[in-house]
N, C-alpha and C. Protein backbone atom coordinates (compact mmCIF):
# COMPACT_ATOMS: atom_id res chain seq x y z
N MET A 1 35.43 -6.06 3.65
CA MET A 1 34.22 -6.83 3.54
C MET A 1 33.95 -7.11 2.05
N SER A 2 33.59 -8.34 1.72
CA SER A 2 33.34 -8.70 0.32
C SER A 2 31.95 -8.25 -0.11
N PHE A 3 31.73 -8.22 -1.42
CA PHE A 3 30.41 -7.89 -1.95
C PHE A 3 29.36 -8.85 -1.39
N ARG A 4 29.69 -10.13 -1.36
CA ARG A 4 28.74 -11.14 -0.85
C ARG A 4 28.36 -10.84 0.60
N GLU A 5 29.33 -10.47 1.41
CA GLU A 5 29.04 -10.17 2.81
C GLU A 5 28.13 -8.95 2.95
N HIS A 6 28.36 -7.95 2.11
CA HIS A 6 27.48 -6.78 2.10
C HIS A 6 26.05 -7.18 1.75
N LEU A 7 25.91 -8.01 0.72
CA LEU A 7 24.58 -8.43 0.28
C LEU A 7 23.89 -9.30 1.33
N GLN A 8 24.64 -10.21 1.95
CA GLN A 8 24.06 -11.04 3.00
C GLN A 8 23.59 -10.18 4.17
N GLY A 9 24.39 -9.20 4.55
CA GLY A 9 24.02 -8.32 5.64
C GLY A 9 22.76 -7.52 5.33
N LEU A 10 22.65 -7.07 4.09
CA LEU A 10 21.47 -6.33 3.67
C LEU A 10 20.22 -7.19 3.81
N CYS A 11 20.29 -8.40 3.27
CA CYS A 11 19.14 -9.30 3.35
C CYS A 11 18.79 -9.64 4.80
N LYS A 12 19.80 -9.85 5.61
CA LYS A 12 19.57 -10.20 7.01
C LYS A 12 18.84 -9.09 7.76
N ASN A 13 19.10 -7.84 7.38
CA ASN A 13 18.56 -6.70 8.10
C ASN A 13 17.26 -6.15 7.53
N VAL A 14 16.72 -6.77 6.50
CA VAL A 14 15.46 -6.31 5.92
C VAL A 14 14.44 -7.44 6.00
N ASP A 15 13.39 -7.23 6.79
CA ASP A 15 12.33 -8.23 6.90
C ASP A 15 11.71 -8.47 5.54
N GLY A 16 11.60 -9.74 5.17
CA GLY A 16 10.96 -10.11 3.91
C GLY A 16 11.88 -10.15 2.71
N ALA A 17 13.18 -9.84 2.89
CA ALA A 17 14.12 -9.89 1.76
C ALA A 17 14.33 -11.34 1.34
N VAL A 18 14.25 -11.60 0.04
CA VAL A 18 14.49 -12.95 -0.47
C VAL A 18 15.79 -13.04 -1.25
N GLY A 19 16.36 -11.90 -1.60
CA GLY A 19 17.63 -11.91 -2.31
C GLY A 19 18.04 -10.51 -2.70
N CYS A 20 19.31 -10.35 -3.00
CA CYS A 20 19.80 -9.09 -3.50
C CYS A 20 21.02 -9.35 -4.38
N ALA A 21 21.32 -8.35 -5.18
CA ALA A 21 22.41 -8.53 -6.15
C ALA A 21 23.10 -7.20 -6.43
N LEU A 22 24.35 -7.31 -6.81
CA LEU A 22 25.11 -6.21 -7.38
C LEU A 22 25.29 -6.58 -8.84
N MET A 23 24.84 -5.69 -9.73
CA MET A 23 24.84 -6.03 -11.15
C MET A 23 25.36 -4.87 -11.99
N ALA A 24 25.90 -5.21 -13.13
CA ALA A 24 26.25 -4.20 -14.12
C ALA A 24 24.98 -3.84 -14.88
N THR A 25 24.93 -2.62 -15.39
CA THR A 25 23.73 -2.19 -16.10
C THR A 25 23.49 -2.97 -17.39
N ASP A 26 24.49 -3.71 -17.86
CA ASP A 26 24.29 -4.55 -19.04
C ASP A 26 23.72 -5.93 -18.67
N GLY A 27 23.40 -6.13 -17.38
CA GLY A 27 22.78 -7.37 -16.93
C GLY A 27 23.74 -8.41 -16.42
N ILE A 28 25.03 -8.12 -16.42
CA ILE A 28 26.00 -9.09 -15.92
C ILE A 28 26.02 -9.03 -14.39
N GLU A 29 25.85 -10.17 -13.80
CA GLU A 29 25.80 -10.31 -12.34
C GLU A 29 27.21 -10.25 -11.77
N VAL A 30 27.46 -9.33 -10.86
CA VAL A 30 28.74 -9.25 -10.17
C VAL A 30 28.71 -10.21 -8.98
N GLU A 31 27.66 -10.09 -8.17
CA GLU A 31 27.48 -10.97 -7.01
C GLU A 31 26.00 -10.99 -6.67
N THR A 32 25.53 -12.15 -6.26
CA THR A 32 24.13 -12.32 -5.86
C THR A 32 24.07 -13.14 -4.59
N HIS A 33 23.17 -12.74 -3.72
CA HIS A 33 22.89 -13.53 -2.52
C HIS A 33 21.39 -13.83 -2.51
N LEU A 34 21.05 -15.11 -2.44
CA LEU A 34 19.66 -15.54 -2.36
C LEU A 34 19.44 -16.18 -1.01
N GLU A 35 18.38 -15.80 -0.34
CA GLU A 35 18.07 -16.39 0.96
C GLU A 35 17.71 -17.86 0.80
N GLU A 36 17.04 -18.21 -0.31
CA GLU A 36 16.68 -19.60 -0.59
C GLU A 36 16.95 -19.88 -2.05
N GLU A 37 17.89 -20.75 -2.33
CA GLU A 37 18.17 -21.14 -3.71
C GLU A 37 17.01 -21.95 -4.28
N GLY A 38 16.76 -21.79 -5.56
CA GLY A 38 15.77 -22.61 -6.25
C GLY A 38 14.33 -22.22 -6.00
N GLY A 39 14.10 -21.04 -5.42
CA GLY A 39 12.73 -20.60 -5.15
C GLY A 39 12.03 -20.14 -6.42
N GLN A 40 10.75 -19.89 -6.29
CA GLN A 40 9.97 -19.36 -7.40
C GLN A 40 9.65 -17.92 -7.09
N PRO A 41 9.72 -17.03 -7.98
CA PRO A 41 10.22 -17.18 -9.35
C PRO A 41 11.75 -17.35 -9.38
N ASP A 42 12.27 -17.60 -10.57
CA ASP A 42 13.71 -17.73 -10.75
C ASP A 42 14.32 -16.34 -10.57
N LEU A 43 14.72 -16.05 -9.34
CA LEU A 43 15.13 -14.70 -8.98
C LEU A 43 16.37 -14.24 -9.73
N ARG A 44 17.34 -15.11 -9.89
CA ARG A 44 18.56 -14.71 -10.63
C ARG A 44 18.22 -14.23 -12.03
N SER A 45 17.45 -15.00 -12.75
CA SER A 45 17.09 -14.63 -14.13
C SER A 45 16.24 -13.37 -14.16
N LEU A 46 15.32 -13.25 -13.20
CA LEU A 46 14.45 -12.08 -13.16
C LEU A 46 15.27 -10.81 -12.94
N LEU A 47 16.22 -10.84 -12.02
CA LEU A 47 17.03 -9.65 -11.76
C LEU A 47 17.87 -9.27 -12.97
N ILE A 48 18.34 -10.25 -13.70
CA ILE A 48 19.09 -9.96 -14.94
C ILE A 48 18.17 -9.27 -15.95
N GLU A 49 16.94 -9.76 -16.07
CA GLU A 49 15.98 -9.13 -16.98
C GLU A 49 15.63 -7.72 -16.52
N TYR A 50 15.52 -7.50 -15.22
CA TYR A 50 15.21 -6.17 -14.70
C TYR A 50 16.30 -5.17 -15.04
N ALA A 51 17.53 -5.62 -15.27
CA ALA A 51 18.61 -4.71 -15.66
C ALA A 51 18.24 -3.98 -16.95
N THR A 52 17.55 -4.66 -17.84
CA THR A 52 17.11 -4.04 -19.09
C THR A 52 16.15 -2.89 -18.81
N LEU A 53 15.24 -3.10 -17.86
CA LEU A 53 14.30 -2.04 -17.49
C LEU A 53 15.03 -0.84 -16.88
N PHE A 54 15.99 -1.14 -16.02
CA PHE A 54 16.75 -0.08 -15.38
C PHE A 54 17.50 0.74 -16.43
N ARG A 55 18.15 0.05 -17.35
CA ARG A 55 18.91 0.72 -18.41
C ARG A 55 17.98 1.57 -19.27
N GLY A 56 16.80 1.03 -19.60
CA GLY A 56 15.84 1.78 -20.42
C GLY A 56 15.30 3.01 -19.71
N ALA A 57 15.01 2.88 -18.42
CA ALA A 57 14.52 4.03 -17.64
C ALA A 57 15.59 5.11 -17.56
N ALA A 58 16.83 4.71 -17.35
CA ALA A 58 17.94 5.67 -17.26
C ALA A 58 18.12 6.41 -18.59
N GLU A 59 18.05 5.67 -19.69
CA GLU A 59 18.22 6.29 -21.01
C GLU A 59 17.08 7.25 -21.31
N ALA A 60 15.84 6.84 -21.01
CA ALA A 60 14.68 7.70 -21.26
C ALA A 60 14.76 8.97 -20.41
N SER A 61 15.16 8.83 -19.18
CA SER A 61 15.27 9.98 -18.28
C SER A 61 16.30 10.98 -18.79
N ARG A 62 17.45 10.49 -19.21
CA ARG A 62 18.49 11.38 -19.75
C ARG A 62 18.02 12.03 -21.04
N THR A 63 17.43 11.25 -21.93
CA THR A 63 17.00 11.75 -23.24
C THR A 63 16.00 12.89 -23.11
N HIS A 64 15.12 12.79 -22.13
CA HIS A 64 14.06 13.78 -21.98
C HIS A 64 14.35 14.83 -20.92
N GLY A 65 15.61 14.90 -20.48
CA GLY A 65 16.04 15.95 -19.59
C GLY A 65 15.54 15.84 -18.16
N ALA A 66 15.20 14.64 -17.72
CA ALA A 66 14.70 14.46 -16.35
C ALA A 66 15.82 14.15 -15.37
N GLY A 67 17.05 14.09 -15.83
CA GLY A 67 18.17 13.82 -14.94
C GLY A 67 18.52 12.35 -14.88
N GLU A 68 19.42 12.02 -13.96
CA GLU A 68 19.88 10.65 -13.80
C GLU A 68 18.96 9.86 -12.87
N VAL A 69 18.68 8.63 -13.22
CA VAL A 69 17.89 7.75 -12.37
C VAL A 69 18.77 7.30 -11.21
N SER A 70 18.26 7.43 -10.01
CA SER A 70 19.01 6.95 -8.85
C SER A 70 18.37 5.71 -8.26
N GLU A 71 17.06 5.55 -8.46
CA GLU A 71 16.36 4.41 -7.87
C GLU A 71 15.18 4.04 -8.75
N LEU A 72 14.87 2.74 -8.75
CA LEU A 72 13.74 2.23 -9.51
C LEU A 72 13.12 1.10 -8.72
N SER A 73 11.79 1.07 -8.63
CA SER A 73 11.14 -0.04 -7.94
C SER A 73 10.07 -0.65 -8.83
N ILE A 74 9.85 -1.94 -8.62
CA ILE A 74 8.85 -2.69 -9.37
C ILE A 74 8.07 -3.53 -8.36
N ALA A 75 6.75 -3.41 -8.42
CA ALA A 75 5.90 -4.18 -7.52
C ALA A 75 5.02 -5.11 -8.34
N THR A 76 5.01 -6.38 -7.97
CA THR A 76 4.10 -7.34 -8.57
C THR A 76 3.30 -7.96 -7.43
N ASP A 77 2.37 -8.84 -7.75
CA ASP A 77 1.58 -9.45 -6.68
C ASP A 77 2.40 -10.44 -5.85
N GLN A 78 3.57 -10.86 -6.35
CA GLN A 78 4.39 -11.83 -5.63
C GLN A 78 5.70 -11.27 -5.09
N MET A 79 6.07 -10.04 -5.50
CA MET A 79 7.39 -9.54 -5.13
C MET A 79 7.47 -8.02 -5.27
N LEU A 80 8.28 -7.44 -4.41
CA LEU A 80 8.68 -6.04 -4.53
C LEU A 80 10.17 -6.02 -4.81
N THR A 81 10.59 -5.20 -5.73
CA THR A 81 12.03 -5.04 -5.96
C THR A 81 12.35 -3.55 -5.95
N VAL A 82 13.50 -3.25 -5.42
CA VAL A 82 13.99 -1.88 -5.45
C VAL A 82 15.46 -1.92 -5.85
N ALA A 83 15.82 -1.05 -6.78
CA ALA A 83 17.18 -1.00 -7.29
C ALA A 83 17.73 0.40 -7.12
N ARG A 84 19.00 0.50 -6.81
CA ARG A 84 19.66 1.79 -6.63
C ARG A 84 20.99 1.78 -7.38
N MET A 85 21.25 2.87 -8.08
CA MET A 85 22.52 3.01 -8.77
C MET A 85 23.66 3.09 -7.75
N VAL A 86 24.74 2.39 -8.06
CA VAL A 86 25.95 2.43 -7.24
C VAL A 86 26.97 3.31 -7.94
N SER A 87 27.02 3.19 -9.26
CA SER A 87 27.89 4.00 -10.11
C SER A 87 27.21 4.05 -11.48
N PRO A 88 27.75 4.78 -12.43
CA PRO A 88 27.09 4.80 -13.74
C PRO A 88 26.98 3.42 -14.41
N GLU A 89 27.82 2.47 -14.02
CA GLU A 89 27.81 1.15 -14.65
C GLU A 89 27.21 0.05 -13.77
N TYR A 90 26.95 0.32 -12.50
CA TYR A 90 26.51 -0.74 -11.58
C TYR A 90 25.33 -0.30 -10.73
N PHE A 91 24.50 -1.28 -10.37
CA PHE A 91 23.40 -1.01 -9.46
C PHE A 91 23.22 -2.20 -8.52
N MET A 92 22.55 -1.92 -7.40
CA MET A 92 22.17 -2.96 -6.45
C MET A 92 20.66 -3.11 -6.53
N VAL A 93 20.20 -4.33 -6.32
CA VAL A 93 18.76 -4.58 -6.32
C VAL A 93 18.43 -5.55 -5.20
N VAL A 94 17.31 -5.28 -4.52
CA VAL A 94 16.81 -6.13 -3.44
C VAL A 94 15.42 -6.59 -3.82
N ALA A 95 15.17 -7.88 -3.65
CA ALA A 95 13.84 -8.45 -3.89
C ALA A 95 13.22 -8.83 -2.55
N LEU A 96 11.96 -8.48 -2.39
CA LEU A 96 11.25 -8.70 -1.13
C LEU A 96 9.93 -9.41 -1.39
N ARG A 97 9.46 -10.12 -0.38
CA ARG A 97 8.09 -10.61 -0.41
C ARG A 97 7.17 -9.37 -0.39
N PRO A 98 5.94 -9.51 -0.85
CA PRO A 98 5.04 -8.34 -0.89
C PRO A 98 4.85 -7.66 0.48
N ASP A 99 4.98 -8.41 1.57
CA ASP A 99 4.82 -7.83 2.90
C ASP A 99 6.15 -7.41 3.51
N GLY A 100 7.23 -7.41 2.70
CA GLY A 100 8.56 -7.05 3.20
C GLY A 100 8.67 -5.57 3.52
N ASN A 101 9.72 -5.22 4.23
CA ASN A 101 9.93 -3.85 4.68
C ASN A 101 10.62 -3.04 3.57
N PHE A 102 9.80 -2.53 2.68
CA PHE A 102 10.26 -1.79 1.51
C PHE A 102 11.04 -0.54 1.91
N GLY A 103 10.56 0.20 2.90
CA GLY A 103 11.23 1.41 3.34
C GLY A 103 12.63 1.15 3.88
N LYS A 104 12.77 0.10 4.66
CA LYS A 104 14.09 -0.22 5.20
C LYS A 104 15.03 -0.68 4.09
N ALA A 105 14.51 -1.42 3.11
CA ALA A 105 15.34 -1.83 1.97
C ALA A 105 15.87 -0.61 1.24
N ARG A 106 15.02 0.37 0.99
CA ARG A 106 15.44 1.59 0.31
C ARG A 106 16.50 2.33 1.13
N TYR A 107 16.27 2.43 2.42
CA TYR A 107 17.20 3.12 3.31
C TYR A 107 18.58 2.45 3.31
N LEU A 108 18.59 1.13 3.48
CA LEU A 108 19.87 0.43 3.53
C LEU A 108 20.59 0.45 2.19
N LEU A 109 19.86 0.40 1.09
CA LEU A 109 20.50 0.53 -0.23
C LEU A 109 21.17 1.90 -0.35
N ARG A 110 20.47 2.93 0.10
CA ARG A 110 21.03 4.29 0.02
C ARG A 110 22.31 4.40 0.85
N LEU A 111 22.37 3.73 2.00
CA LEU A 111 23.58 3.75 2.82
C LEU A 111 24.70 2.91 2.24
N LEU A 112 24.36 1.78 1.66
CA LEU A 112 25.36 0.83 1.18
C LEU A 112 25.96 1.21 -0.17
N ALA A 113 25.20 1.88 -1.01
CA ALA A 113 25.68 2.21 -2.37
C ALA A 113 27.03 2.93 -2.37
N PRO A 114 27.23 3.97 -1.56
CA PRO A 114 28.54 4.65 -1.59
C PRO A 114 29.69 3.75 -1.14
N LYS A 115 29.43 2.85 -0.20
CA LYS A 115 30.47 1.91 0.24
C LYS A 115 30.89 1.00 -0.89
N LEU A 116 29.90 0.47 -1.61
CA LEU A 116 30.22 -0.43 -2.73
C LEU A 116 30.91 0.32 -3.86
N ARG A 117 30.51 1.57 -4.08
CA ARG A 117 31.14 2.38 -5.13
C ARG A 117 32.64 2.48 -4.92
N THR A 118 33.07 2.65 -3.67
CA THR A 118 34.50 2.77 -3.40
C THR A 118 35.21 1.43 -3.57
N GLU A 119 34.48 0.32 -3.46
CA GLU A 119 35.10 -0.99 -3.59
C GLU A 119 35.11 -1.53 -5.02
N LEU A 120 34.38 -0.90 -5.91
CA LEU A 120 34.33 -1.39 -7.30
C LEU A 120 35.62 -1.07 -8.04
């Protein structure tokens, strides 16, 4: 199964998902699936910017002895995002409408991350 197929399946199985991506922690997009291209906000660019936040949180956590970051979520009035580490260099992120099924997104990310780790 390709990365794109994994991402499409994730979005299909989470109510309210608008897109998901597999990204390197340096912000380079490996693969992205958007339910609707050209929507607002510019989801591709936003997820790339969120990589900076993920990298910063991971560095701060290590520096202060809190351990490795495994998951990070960001909620705004227009979107919920949840990201999960796949490996030390890669993470997956799912973007949802505010009424989306956040718990199911977290659950499916947790199940999918080890599968993608073996495929990287």
